[in-house]
Amino acid sequence: MFYSNAWTKCLICLIFITSGNAECPKPQVEGNVVLTNDALLMNDFPEGKEATFQCAKGYLKEQGSEIITCTSGKWSTLELTCKKKDCGVPREKPHLTYEFGEEGTLFGASARAICDKGYQLTGPSYRQCYDIGWSKIPTCEVVTCDKPPEIMNGMITEKPDKEFPEYGDVIQYSCNEGYTHIGNKSIECNEDGDYNSLPPECKDVNDIPLKPTTTISRTTTTSTVPPTIRGRGNPIKSTPV
């Protein structure tokens, strides 16, 4: 009986010691936190062992401890909370604006690049907010038109001092002496890279037919009706001579 009681007490002690020193399973990763490299290399997690977490790529620590501890075969609760990084508003560039989605400027968000009227986009049309910041910066370059065409019997009197006119530039034309212009005297470079109209034509003034002149004459017709003479009483009779 003595041996039986003693064995029972020892068995209880062994169970208590074994359960108290039970190892924890490998820590589970959830949400926007990950194990550090040192914790990933660990294979055993005995009683009292600690494991360290950190915020995932694109996230920053908001609050709480990064460490959990193995106690009686269970891990303590991770208190670390992380929030998305904010890339902020992209730096201003000439003639370039951005259109943001629901994510705004947070990690993973995208922004659409928009150029002002008369400018065209060079580079990606969208920028992505990465862990290190915004992706490649696009630029907006002014739209250009072809060289202004020459005209017969006339000349270009005013144009920009550049080989290819840019958006908004105006080219002025004039005709030689003895010629008159047909059409617009100037053309303008539009936002689509074309001119807003064809250049004028210069025509010989002698070749332009004159408009016919219409004269309206008014004729007055007078009608003469001999009067009728009526007397009071008998009519007047004529006496033969």
Protein backbone atom coordinates (compact mmCIF):
# COMPACT_ATOMS: atom_id res chain seq x y z
CA MET A 1 0.00 0.00 0.00
CA PHE A 2 2.88 2.32 0.87
CA TYR A 3 4.57 1.65 -2.46
CA SER A 4 1.32 2.13 -4.31
CA ASN A 5 0.71 5.58 -2.80
CA ALA A 6 4.29 6.64 -3.41
CA TRP A 7 4.12 5.55 -7.06
CA THR A 8 0.91 7.45 -7.55
CA LYS A 9 2.46 10.62 -6.15
CA CYS A 10 5.48 10.27 -8.41
CA LEU A 11 3.28 9.71 -11.44
CA ILE A 12 1.32 12.85 -10.64
CA CYS A 13 4.58 14.80 -10.32
CA LEU A 14 5.80 13.49 -13.64
CA ILE A 15 2.56 14.45 -15.33
CA PHE A 16 2.71 17.93 -13.81
CA ILE A 17 6.33 18.41 -14.81
CA THR A 18 5.73 17.08 -18.30
CA SER A 19 2.66 19.22 -18.87
CA GLY A 20 4.39 22.27 -17.45
CA ASN A 21 7.35 21.86 -19.80
CA ALA A 22 5.29 21.07 -22.90
CA GLU A 23 6.59 22.62 -26.14
CA CYS A 24 4.56 25.07 -28.17
CA PRO A 25 3.80 24.54 -31.85
CA LYS A 26 5.39 26.74 -34.48
CA PRO A 27 3.83 30.23 -34.25
CA GLN A 28 1.12 30.88 -36.83
CA VAL A 29 1.31 33.96 -39.02
CA GLU A 30 -1.89 35.89 -39.75
CA GLY A 31 -2.82 39.28 -41.17
CA ASN A 32 -0.17 41.92 -41.71
CA VAL A 33 2.50 40.51 -39.34
CA VAL A 34 5.31 38.02 -40.03
CA LEU A 35 7.95 36.20 -38.00
CA THR A 36 11.43 37.66 -37.94
CA ASN A 37 14.20 35.77 -39.72
CA ASP A 38 15.57 34.49 -36.40
CA ALA A 39 12.17 33.12 -35.40
CA LEU A 40 11.75 31.44 -38.78
CA LEU A 41 15.00 29.49 -38.25
CA MET A 42 13.82 28.10 -34.89
CA ASN A 43 12.53 24.53 -34.84
CA ASP A 44 11.91 23.94 -31.12
CA PHE A 45 9.74 26.08 -28.88
CA PRO A 46 10.11 24.81 -25.29
CA GLU A 47 8.61 26.31 -22.16
CA GLY A 48 9.56 29.96 -21.77
CA LYS A 49 10.78 30.32 -25.37
CA GLU A 50 10.07 33.64 -27.08
CA ALA A 51 9.23 34.33 -30.70
CA THR A 52 9.46 37.75 -32.29
CA PHE A 53 7.16 39.18 -34.96
CA GLN A 54 7.43 42.22 -37.19
CA CYS A 55 5.13 44.13 -39.53
CA ALA A 56 4.77 42.72 -43.03
CA LYS A 57 6.17 44.52 -46.05
CA GLY A 58 4.25 47.73 -46.68
CA TYR A 59 3.13 48.07 -43.05
CA LEU A 60 4.41 50.03 -40.05
CA LYS A 61 4.14 49.30 -36.32
CA GLU A 62 1.18 51.07 -34.79
CA GLN A 63 1.33 49.74 -31.20
CA GLY A 64 1.89 46.66 -28.99
CA SER A 65 4.74 44.24 -28.28
CA GLU A 66 6.33 42.15 -31.01
CA ILE A 67 7.15 39.24 -28.65
CA ILE A 68 5.08 36.20 -27.63
CA THR A 69 6.08 33.60 -24.99
CA CYS A 70 5.50 29.85 -24.79
CA THR A 71 3.74 28.97 -21.50
CA SER A 72 2.33 25.50 -20.72
CA GLY A 73 2.30 24.57 -24.40
CA LYS A 74 0.50 27.70 -25.52
CA TRP A 75 1.66 30.99 -26.94
CA SER A 76 0.73 34.27 -25.34
CA THR A 77 -1.44 36.66 -27.30
CA LEU A 78 0.37 38.81 -29.86
CA GLU A 79 -0.32 42.48 -29.13
CA LEU A 80 1.48 43.91 -32.15
CA THR A 81 -0.76 45.88 -34.56
CA CYS A 82 0.42 47.29 -37.87
CA LYS A 83 -0.97 49.86 -40.30
CA LYS A 84 -0.37 50.47 -43.98
CA LYS A 85 2.41 52.80 -45.01
CA ASP A 86 1.37 56.07 -46.58
CA CYS A 87 3.24 57.09 -49.74
CA GLY A 88 1.84 60.60 -49.46
CA VAL A 89 0.80 62.79 -52.39
CA PRO A 90 3.28 62.49 -55.31
CA ARG A 91 5.49 65.47 -55.95
CA GLU A 92 4.06 68.05 -58.31
CA LYS A 93 5.19 68.01 -61.93
CA PRO A 94 4.35 70.62 -64.60
CA HIS A 95 0.99 70.03 -66.32
CA LEU A 96 0.48 66.73 -64.43
CA THR A 97 -2.24 65.82 -61.93
CA TYR A 98 -3.35 62.54 -60.32
CA GLU A 99 -6.68 60.83 -59.78
CA PHE A 100 -6.76 58.62 -56.66
CA GLY A 101 -8.97 55.63 -55.87
CA GLU A 102 -10.55 54.53 -52.59
CA GLU A 103 -7.17 53.56 -51.08
CA GLY A 104 -5.91 57.10 -51.50
CA THR A 105 -2.14 57.18 -51.01
CA LEU A 106 -1.78 54.07 -48.81
CA PHE A 107 0.34 51.01 -49.57
CA GLY A 108 -1.07 49.10 -52.55
CA ALA A 109 -3.02 52.08 -53.88
CA SER A 110 -2.79 53.25 -57.49
CA ALA A 111 -3.04 56.76 -58.93
CA ARG A 112 -3.95 57.63 -62.54
CA ALA A 113 -1.76 60.25 -64.19
CA ILE A 114 -3.62 62.96 -66.14
CA CYS A 115 -2.02 65.62 -68.35
CA ASP A 116 -3.40 69.10 -68.95
CA LYS A 117 -5.08 69.91 -72.24
CA GLY A 118 -2.52 70.16 -75.02
CA TYR A 119 -0.05 67.82 -73.32
CA GLN A 120 0.59 64.10 -73.78
CA LEU A 121 1.71 61.50 -71.25
CA THR A 122 5.18 59.97 -71.45
CA GLY A 123 5.67 56.93 -69.24
CA PRO A 124 3.17 54.82 -67.27
CA SER A 125 -0.41 56.04 -67.03
CA TYR A 126 -0.71 54.66 -63.46
CA ARG A 127 1.59 54.86 -60.43
CA GLN A 128 1.63 52.26 -57.66
CA CYS A 129 2.31 52.87 -53.95
CA TYR A 130 4.99 50.33 -52.99
CA ASP A 131 6.84 49.66 -49.76
CA ILE A 132 9.60 52.05 -50.86
CA GLY A 133 7.25 54.71 -52.23
CA TRP A 134 5.60 55.57 -55.54
CA SER A 135 6.60 53.79 -58.73
CA LYS A 136 8.15 55.45 -61.80
CA ILE A 137 7.22 59.10 -62.40
CA PRO A 138 5.52 59.93 -65.72
CA THR A 139 5.87 63.29 -67.45
CA CYS A 140 3.60 65.46 -69.61
CA GLU A 141 5.08 66.84 -72.81
CA VAL A 142 3.49 69.53 -74.94
CA VAL A 143 1.73 68.42 -78.14
CA THR A 144 3.41 69.56 -81.37
CA CYS A 145 2.11 69.99 -84.92
CA ASP A 146 3.84 69.46 -88.27
CA LYS A 147 5.72 72.29 -89.92
CA PRO A 148 3.24 74.92 -91.15
CA PRO A 149 2.54 74.51 -94.88
CA GLU A 150 3.65 77.13 -97.39
CA ILE A 151 1.07 78.70 -99.73
CA MET A 152 1.21 79.81 -103.39
CA ASN A 153 1.21 83.54 -104.08
CA GLY A 154 1.57 84.25 -100.38
CA MET A 155 3.84 83.80 -97.38
CA ILE A 156 3.99 83.11 -93.65
CA THR A 157 4.31 86.45 -91.88
CA GLU A 158 4.36 85.25 -88.27
CA LYS A 159 5.21 81.93 -86.64
CA PRO A 160 6.89 80.64 -83.43
CA ASP A 161 10.68 80.48 -83.36
CA LYS A 162 10.83 76.67 -83.41
CA GLU A 163 10.84 73.94 -86.03
CA PHE A 164 7.56 72.37 -84.94
CA PRO A 165 4.81 74.60 -83.55
CA GLU A 166 3.42 73.62 -80.15
CA TYR A 167 -0.09 73.53 -78.78
CA GLY A 168 -1.63 77.01 -78.90
CA ASP A 169 0.91 78.45 -81.37
CA VAL A 170 -0.58 80.57 -84.18
CA ILE A 171 0.77 80.94 -87.74
CA GLN A 172 -0.19 84.07 -89.70
CA TYR A 173 -0.36 84.26 -93.52
CA SER A 174 -0.58 87.10 -96.05
CA CYS A 175 -1.01 87.22 -99.83
CA ASN A 176 1.25 88.88 -102.34
CA GLU A 177 0.26 92.16 -103.94
CA GLY A 178 -2.53 91.67 -106.42
CA TYR A 179 -3.86 88.63 -104.63
CA THR A 180 -6.51 88.27 -101.98
CA HIS A 181 -6.93 85.53 -99.41
CA ILE A 182 -9.70 82.95 -99.44
CA GLY A 183 -10.24 81.34 -96.01
CA ASN A 184 -8.64 82.07 -92.64
CA LYS A 185 -5.57 84.28 -92.45
CA SER A 186 -4.20 82.24 -89.51
CA ILE A 187 -4.12 78.65 -88.31
CA GLU A 188 -3.59 77.35 -84.74
CA CYS A 189 -1.98 74.16 -83.42
CA ASN A 190 -4.66 72.13 -81.60
CA GLU A 191 -4.42 69.71 -78.65
CA ASP A 192 -4.64 66.72 -81.00
CA GLY A 193 -1.55 67.70 -82.99
CA ASP A 194 -3.47 69.04 -85.99
CA TYR A 195 -4.17 72.58 -87.14
CA ASN A 196 -7.63 73.97 -86.52
CA SER A 197 -8.11 74.77 -90.24
CA LEU A 198 -6.43 74.72 -93.62
CA PRO A 199 -4.19 77.65 -94.57
CA PRO A 200 -5.72 80.34 -96.80
CA GLU A 201 -5.56 80.39 -100.59
CA CYS A 202 -4.35 83.46 -102.42
CA LYS A 203 -6.37 84.24 -105.57
CA ASP A 204 -5.67 86.80 -108.28
CA VAL A 205 -8.10 89.63 -107.74
CA ASN A 206 -8.85 89.60 -111.49
CA ASP A 207 -9.90 85.97 -111.35
CA ILE A 208 -12.48 86.53 -108.67
CA PRO A 209 -15.88 87.17 -110.31
CA LEU A 210 -17.71 90.24 -109.17
CA LYS A 211 -21.03 89.78 -107.56
CA PRO A 212 -23.89 90.85 -109.85
CA THR A 213 -25.57 94.13 -108.96
CA THR A 214 -29.36 93.98 -108.95
CA THR A 215 -31.25 97.24 -109.69
CA ILE A 216 -34.91 97.40 -108.85
CA SER A 217 -36.87 100.00 -110.85
CA ARG A 218 -40.27 101.05 -109.81
CA THR A 219 -42.77 102.00 -112.60
CA THR A 220 -45.84 104.07 -111.77
CA THR A 221 -48.85 103.55 -114.06
CA THR A 222 -51.39 106.38 -114.26
CA SER A 223 -54.85 105.62 -115.55
CA THR A 224 -56.93 108.56 -116.99
CA VAL A 225 -60.68 108.17 -116.92
CA PRO A 226 -62.78 110.94 -118.55
CA PRO A 227 -65.21 112.44 -116.09
CA THR A 228 -68.89 111.93 -116.42
CA ILE A 229 -70.87 115.16 -116.32
CA ARG A 230 -74.35 114.93 -114.99
CA GLY A 231 -76.69 117.88 -114.65
CA ARG A 232 -79.56 118.41 -112.40
CA GLY A 233 -82.74 117.61 -114.31
CA ASN A 234 -82.63 117.15 -118.07
CA PRO A 235 -79.41 116.15 -119.67
CA ILE A 236 -77.51 118.75 -121.64
CA LYS A 237 -77.99 118.33 -125.40
CA SER A 238 -75.48 119.53 -127.83
CA THR A 239 -76.61 121.98 -130.49
CA PRO A 240 -75.36 121.31 -133.97
CA VAL A 241 -73.37 124.17 -135.47
